[in-house]
Amino acid sequence: MKKRDNHSDMRSEYDFTGAERGKYAQRYAEGTNVILLDPDLREVFPDSESVNRVLHAIVDSLRQKSA
């Protein structure tokens, strides 16, 4: 397998001044669930808190109906 030159795809306009290497490494290692929303839903649910709030309400409603 050919080793790839990491700098070959870097454009001169990329600026990583002040970047922190491995900033999210621990969070990534713990695992994440990434879900992509359709563009029209992103307008209604701009962040994970809004998505979670609605999903919790749906789950609570379903639990009440089955009880």
PDB file of N, CA and C in Angstrom:
ATOM      1  N   MET A   1       0.840  -1.174   0.000  1.00  0.00           N
ATOM      2  CA  MET A   1       0.000   0.000   0.000  1.00  0.00           C
ATOM      3  C   MET A   1       0.887   1.239   0.000  1.00  0.00           C
ATOM      4  N   LYS A   2       0.592   2.167  -0.837  1.00  0.00           N
ATOM      5  CA  LYS A   2       1.391   3.376  -0.980  1.00  0.00           C
ATOM      6  C   LYS A   2       1.097   4.353   0.160  1.00  0.00           C
ATOM      7  N   LYS A   3       2.148   4.844   0.768  1.00  0.00           N
ATOM      8  CA  LYS A   3       1.993   5.833   1.833  1.00  0.00           C
ATOM      9  C   LYS A   3       1.674   7.174   1.194  1.00  0.00           C
ATOM     10  N   ARG A   4       0.692   7.843   1.700  1.00  0.00           N
ATOM     11  CA  ARG A   4       0.224   9.096   1.135  1.00  0.00           C
ATOM     12  C   ARG A   4       0.915  10.281   1.802  1.00  0.00           C
ATOM     13  N   ASP A   5       1.311  11.237   1.011  1.00  0.00           N
ATOM     14  CA  ASP A   5       1.906  12.464   1.528  1.00  0.00           C
ATOM     15  C   ASP A   5       0.788  13.325   2.107  1.00  0.00           C
ATOM     16  N   ASN A   6       0.813  13.559   3.419  1.00  0.00           N
ATOM     17  CA  ASN A   6      -0.256  14.310   4.081  1.00  0.00           C
ATOM     18  C   ASN A   6      -0.367  15.750   3.609  1.00  0.00           C
ATOM     19  N   HIS A   7       0.660  16.281   3.036  1.00  0.00           N
ATOM     20  CA  HIS A   7       0.644  17.685   2.626  1.00  0.00           C
ATOM     21  C   HIS A   7       0.185  17.870   1.189  1.00  0.00           C
ATOM     22  N   SER A   8       0.005  16.801   0.451  1.00  0.00           N
ATOM     23  CA  SER A   8      -0.316  16.928  -0.957  1.00  0.00           C
ATOM     24  C   SER A   8      -1.679  17.568  -1.201  1.00  0.00           C
ATOM     25  N   ASP A   9      -2.633  17.407  -0.288  1.00  0.00           N
ATOM     26  CA  ASP A   9      -3.968  17.962  -0.476  1.00  0.00           C
ATOM     27  C   ASP A   9      -4.168  19.299   0.234  1.00  0.00           C
ATOM     28  N   MET A  10      -3.159  19.769   0.907  1.00  0.00           N
ATOM     29  CA  MET A  10      -3.294  21.004   1.662  1.00  0.00           C
ATOM     30  C   MET A  10      -3.173  22.210   0.747  1.00  0.00           C
ATOM     31  N   ARG A  11      -4.134  23.075   0.839  1.00  0.00           N
ATOM     32  CA  ARG A  11      -4.113  24.306   0.054  1.00  0.00           C
ATOM     33  C   ARG A  11      -3.429  25.402   0.857  1.00  0.00           C
ATOM     34  N   SER A  12      -2.878  26.351   0.158  1.00  0.00           N
ATOM     35  CA  SER A  12      -2.153  27.431   0.833  1.00  0.00           C
ATOM     36  C   SER A  12      -3.080  28.300   1.686  1.00  0.00           C
ATOM     37  N   GLU A  13      -4.388  28.342   1.363  1.00  0.00           N
ATOM     38  CA  GLU A  13      -5.301  29.190   2.133  1.00  0.00           C
ATOM     39  C   GLU A  13      -5.758  28.553   3.443  1.00  0.00           C
ATOM     40  N   TYR A  14      -5.446  27.264   3.674  1.00  0.00           N
ATOM     41  CA  TYR A  14      -5.776  26.638   4.949  1.00  0.00           C
ATOM     42  C   TYR A  14      -4.880  27.235   6.036  1.00  0.00           C
ATOM     43  N   ASP A  15      -5.503  27.670   7.113  1.00  0.00           N
ATOM     44  CA  ASP A  15      -4.745  28.274   8.199  1.00  0.00           C
ATOM     45  C   ASP A  15      -5.119  27.577   9.507  1.00  0.00           C
ATOM     46  N   PHE A  16      -4.176  26.868  10.069  1.00  0.00           N
ATOM     47  CA  PHE A  16      -4.418  26.156  11.317  1.00  0.00           C
ATOM     48  C   PHE A  16      -3.761  26.853  12.503  1.00  0.00           C
ATOM     49  N   THR A  17      -3.509  28.132  12.370  1.00  0.00           N
ATOM     50  CA  THR A  17      -2.940  28.900  13.462  1.00  0.00           C
ATOM     51  C   THR A  17      -3.887  28.836  14.656  1.00  0.00           C
ATOM     52  N   GLY A  18      -3.396  28.438  15.767  1.00  0.00           N
ATOM     53  CA  GLY A  18      -4.214  28.352  16.976  1.00  0.00           C
ATOM     54  C   GLY A  18      -5.005  27.060  17.081  1.00  0.00           C
ATOM     55  N   ALA A  19      -4.868  26.182  16.104  1.00  0.00           N
ATOM     56  CA  ALA A  19      -5.586  24.912  16.163  1.00  0.00           C
ATOM     57  C   ALA A  19      -5.007  24.039  17.274  1.00  0.00           C
ATOM     58  N   GLU A  20      -5.840  23.174  17.807  1.00  0.00           N
ATOM     59  CA  GLU A  20      -5.422  22.293  18.891  1.00  0.00           C
ATOM     60  C   GLU A  20      -5.523  20.853  18.404  1.00  0.00           C
ATOM     61  N   ARG A  21      -4.393  20.211  18.265  1.00  0.00           N
ATOM     62  CA  ARG A  21      -4.367  18.833  17.776  1.00  0.00           C
ATOM     63  C   ARG A  21      -4.995  17.891  18.803  1.00  0.00           C
ATOM     64  N   GLY A  22      -5.904  17.052  18.334  1.00  0.00           N
ATOM     65  CA  GLY A  22      -6.536  16.056  19.203  1.00  0.00           C
ATOM     66  C   GLY A  22      -7.577  16.619  20.155  1.00  0.00           C
ATOM     67  N   LYS A  23      -8.108  17.796  19.866  1.00  0.00           N
ATOM     68  CA  LYS A  23      -9.053  18.450  20.760  1.00  0.00           C
ATOM     69  C   LYS A  23     -10.262  17.565  21.074  1.00  0.00           C
ATOM     70  N   TYR A  24     -10.744  16.824  20.082  1.00  0.00           N
ATOM     71  CA  TYR A  24     -11.927  15.989  20.271  1.00  0.00           C
ATOM     72  C   TYR A  24     -11.593  14.496  20.286  1.00  0.00           C
ATOM     73  N   ALA A  25     -10.341  14.144  20.440  1.00  0.00           N
ATOM     74  CA  ALA A  25      -9.921  12.744  20.375  1.00  0.00           C
ATOM     75  C   ALA A  25     -10.588  11.896  21.456  1.00  0.00           C
ATOM     76  N   GLN A  26     -10.666  12.376  22.671  1.00  0.00           N
ATOM     77  CA  GLN A  26     -11.271  11.594  23.753  1.00  0.00           C
ATOM     78  C   GLN A  26     -12.753  11.375  23.488  1.00  0.00           C
ATOM     79  N   ARG A  27     -13.453  12.427  23.077  1.00  0.00           N
ATOM     80  CA  ARG A  27     -14.878  12.311  22.789  1.00  0.00           C
ATOM     81  C   ARG A  27     -15.105  11.310  21.660  1.00  0.00           C
ATOM     82  N   TYR A  28     -14.260  11.360  20.644  1.00  0.00           N
ATOM     83  CA  TYR A  28     -14.365  10.434  19.524  1.00  0.00           C
ATOM     84  C   TYR A  28     -14.121   9.003  19.985  1.00  0.00           C
ATOM     85  N   ALA A  29     -13.146   8.813  20.834  1.00  0.00           N
ATOM     86  CA  ALA A  29     -12.817   7.482  21.324  1.00  0.00           C
ATOM     87  C   ALA A  29     -13.958   6.889  22.141  1.00  0.00           C
ATOM     88  N   GLU A  30     -14.733   7.731  22.818  1.00  0.00           N
ATOM     89  CA  GLU A  30     -15.868   7.270  23.612  1.00  0.00           C
ATOM     90  C   GLU A  30     -17.024   6.832  22.732  1.00  0.00           C
ATOM     91  N   GLY A  31     -17.002   7.265  21.495  1.00  0.00           N
ATOM     92  CA  GLY A  31     -18.056   6.886  20.556  1.00  0.00           C
ATOM     93  C   GLY A  31     -19.118   7.967  20.447  1.00  0.00           C
ATOM     94  N   THR A  32     -19.623   8.115  19.271  1.00  0.00           N
ATOM     95  CA  THR A  32     -20.667   9.097  19.032  1.00  0.00           C
ATOM     96  C   THR A  32     -21.668   8.515  18.055  1.00  0.00           C
ATOM     97  N   ASN A  33     -22.839   9.061  18.037  1.00  0.00           N
ATOM     98  CA  ASN A  33     -23.857   8.729  17.050  1.00  0.00           C
ATOM     99  C   ASN A  33     -24.110   9.991  16.246  1.00  0.00           C
ATOM    100  N   VAL A  34     -23.784   9.931  14.994  1.00  0.00           N
ATOM    101  CA  VAL A  34     -23.999  11.082  14.129  1.00  0.00           C
ATOM    102  C   VAL A  34     -25.208  10.788  13.262  1.00  0.00           C
ATOM    103  N   ILE A  35     -26.159  11.690  13.281  1.00  0.00           N
ATOM    104  CA  ILE A  35     -27.369  11.543  12.476  1.00  0.00           C
ATOM    105  C   ILE A  35     -27.493  12.790  11.628  1.00  0.00           C
ATOM    106  N   LEU A  36     -27.674  12.595  10.348  1.00  0.00           N
ATOM    107  CA  LEU A  36     -27.802  13.723   9.435  1.00  0.00           C
ATOM    108  C   LEU A  36     -29.271  14.051   9.228  1.00  0.00           C
ATOM    109  N   LEU A  37     -29.600  15.313   9.391  1.00  0.00           N
ATOM    110  CA  LEU A  37     -30.973  15.764   9.199  1.00  0.00           C
ATOM    111  C   LEU A  37     -31.138  16.347   7.801  1.00  0.00           C
ATOM    112  N   ASP A  38     -32.323  16.194   7.262  1.00  0.00           N
ATOM    113  CA  ASP A  38     -32.634  16.828   5.986  1.00  0.00           C
ATOM    114  C   ASP A  38     -32.596  18.346   6.181  1.00  0.00           C
ATOM    115  N   PRO A  39     -32.302  19.082   5.122  1.00  0.00           N
ATOM    116  CA  PRO A  39     -32.189  20.549   5.249  1.00  0.00           C
ATOM    117  C   PRO A  39     -33.422  21.216   5.867  1.00  0.00           C
ATOM    118  N   ASP A  40     -34.620  20.755   5.518  1.00  0.00           N
ATOM    119  CA  ASP A  40     -35.823  21.384   6.072  1.00  0.00           C
ATOM    120  C   ASP A  40     -35.944  21.111   7.575  1.00  0.00           C
ATOM    121  N   LEU A  41     -35.452  19.982   8.037  1.00  0.00           N
ATOM    122  CA  LEU A  41     -35.491  19.691   9.469  1.00  0.00           C
ATOM    123  C   LEU A  41     -34.432  20.474  10.233  1.00  0.00           C
ATOM    124  N   ARG A  42     -33.331  20.781   9.586  1.00  0.00           N
ATOM    125  CA  ARG A  42     -32.286  21.569  10.254  1.00  0.00           C
ATOM    126  C   ARG A  42     -32.769  22.963  10.606  1.00  0.00           C
ATOM    127  N   GLU A  43     -33.741  23.459   9.850  1.00  0.00           N
ATOM    128  CA  GLU A  43     -34.308  24.773  10.174  1.00  0.00           C
ATOM    129  C   GLU A  43     -35.111  24.714  11.466  1.00  0.00           C
ATOM    130  N   VAL A  44     -35.788  23.585  11.694  1.00  0.00           N
ATOM    131  CA  VAL A  44     -36.624  23.414  12.879  1.00  0.00           C
ATOM    132  C   VAL A  44     -35.813  22.959  14.080  1.00  0.00           C
ATOM    133  N   PHE A  45     -34.804  22.111  13.826  1.00  0.00           N
ATOM    134  CA  PHE A  45     -33.971  21.559  14.886  1.00  0.00           C
ATOM    135  C   PHE A  45     -32.524  22.004  14.685  1.00  0.00           C
ATOM    136  N   PRO A  46     -32.174  23.183  15.172  1.00  0.00           N
ATOM    137  CA  PRO A  46     -30.837  23.726  14.915  1.00  0.00           C
ATOM    138  C   PRO A  46     -29.721  23.093  15.744  1.00  0.00           C
ATOM    139  N   ASP A  47     -30.086  22.350  16.807  1.00  0.00           N
ATOM    140  CA  ASP A  47     -29.042  21.777  17.658  1.00  0.00           C
ATOM    141  C   ASP A  47     -29.524  20.458  18.267  1.00  0.00           C
ATOM    142  N   SER A  48     -28.610  19.750  18.895  1.00  0.00           N
ATOM    143  CA  SER A  48     -28.948  18.438  19.455  1.00  0.00           C
ATOM    144  C   SER A  48     -29.959  18.554  20.594  1.00  0.00           C
ATOM    145  N   GLU A  49     -29.930  19.642  21.331  1.00  0.00           N
ATOM    146  CA  GLU A  49     -30.876  19.817  22.437  1.00  0.00           C
ATOM    147  C   GLU A  49     -32.315  19.827  21.932  1.00  0.00           C
ATOM    148  N   SER A  50     -32.572  20.529  20.841  1.00  0.00           N
ATOM    149  CA  SER A  50     -33.933  20.597  20.308  1.00  0.00           C
ATOM    150  C   SER A  50     -34.385  19.240  19.775  1.00  0.00           C
ATOM    151  N   VAL A  51     -33.499  18.507  19.144  1.00  0.00           N
ATOM    152  CA  VAL A  51     -33.826  17.165  18.644  1.00  0.00           C
ATOM    153  C   VAL A  51     -34.130  16.245  19.813  1.00  0.00           C
ATOM    154  N   ASN A  52     -33.287  16.242  20.813  1.00  0.00           N
ATOM    155  CA  ASN A  52     -33.480  15.372  21.974  1.00  0.00           C
ATOM    156  C   ASN A  52     -34.768  15.687  22.723  1.00  0.00           C
ATOM    157  N   ARG A  53     -35.091  16.960  22.854  1.00  0.00           N
ATOM    158  CA  ARG A  53     -36.312  17.361  23.561  1.00  0.00           C
ATOM    159  C   ARG A  53     -37.548  16.758  22.876  1.00  0.00           C
ATOM    160  N   VAL A  54     -37.606  16.861  21.552  1.00  0.00           N
ATOM    161  CA  VAL A  54     -38.753  16.325  20.812  1.00  0.00           C
ATOM    162  C   VAL A  54     -38.770  14.798  20.864  1.00  0.00           C
ATOM    163  N   LEU A  55     -37.619  14.176  20.705  1.00  0.00           N
ATOM    164  CA  LEU A  55     -37.577  12.713  20.758  1.00  0.00           C
ATOM    165  C   LEU A  55     -37.996  12.187  22.126  1.00  0.00           C
ATOM    166  N   HIS A  56     -37.582  12.857  23.203  1.00  0.00           N
ATOM    167  CA  HIS A  56     -38.003  12.448  24.544  1.00  0.00           C
ATOM    168  C   HIS A  56     -39.514  12.577  24.694  1.00  0.00           C
ATOM    169  N   ALA A  57     -40.087  13.640  24.159  1.00  0.00           N
ATOM    170  CA  ALA A  57     -41.535  13.826  24.243  1.00  0.00           C
ATOM    171  C   ALA A  57     -42.264  12.712  23.488  1.00  0.00           C
ATOM    172  N   ILE A  58     -41.761  12.329  22.337  1.00  0.00           N
ATOM    173  CA  ILE A  58     -42.383  11.249  21.562  1.00  0.00           C
ATOM    174  C   ILE A  58     -42.289   9.929  22.321  1.00  0.00           C
ATOM    175  N   VAL A  59     -41.117   9.634  22.856  1.00  0.00           N
ATOM    176  CA  VAL A  59     -40.930   8.386  23.602  1.00  0.00           C
ATOM    177  C   VAL A  59     -41.845   8.360  24.825  1.00  0.00           C
ATOM    178  N   ASP A  60     -41.927   9.467  25.562  1.00  0.00           N
ATOM    179  CA  ASP A  60     -42.813   9.520  26.731  1.00  0.00           C
ATOM    180  C   ASP A  60     -44.266   9.289  26.321  1.00  0.00           C
ATOM    181  N   SER A  61     -44.691   9.876  25.214  1.00  0.00           N
ATOM    182  CA  SER A  61     -46.042   9.705  24.713  1.00  0.00           C
ATOM    183  C   SER A  61     -46.318   8.250  24.352  1.00  0.00           C
ATOM    184  N   LEU A  62     -45.373   7.610  23.678  1.00  0.00           N
ATOM    185  CA  LEU A  62     -45.520   6.213  23.299  1.00  0.00           C
ATOM    186  C   LEU A  62     -45.596   5.309  24.523  1.00  0.00           C
ATOM    187  N   ARG A  63     -44.800   5.618  25.521  1.00  0.00           N
ATOM    188  CA  ARG A  63     -44.809   4.821  26.762  1.00  0.00           C
ATOM    189  C   ARG A  63     -46.147   4.955  27.483  1.00  0.00           C
ATOM    190  N   GLN A  64     -46.710   6.152  27.487  1.00  0.00           N
ATOM    191  CA  GLN A  64     -47.996   6.370  28.153  1.00  0.00           C
ATOM    192  C   GLN A  64     -49.116   5.627  27.434  1.00  0.00           C
ATOM    193  N   LYS A  65     -49.051   5.570  26.107  1.00  0.00           N
ATOM    194  CA  LYS A  65     -50.086   4.881  25.338  1.00  0.00           C
ATOM    195  C   LYS A  65     -50.023   3.374  25.555  1.00  0.00           C
ATOM    196  N   SER A  66     -48.823   2.842  25.739  1.00  0.00           N
ATOM    197  CA  SER A  66     -48.676   1.392  25.904  1.00  0.00           C
ATOM    198  C   SER A  66     -48.910   0.939  27.342  1.00  0.00           C
ATOM    199  N   ALA A  67     -48.987   1.892  28.277  1.00  0.00           N
ATOM    200  CA  ALA A  67     -49.150   1.542  29.697  1.00  0.00           C
ATOM    201  C   ALA A  67     -50.605   1.329  30.050  1.00  0.00           C
TER     202      ALA A  67
END
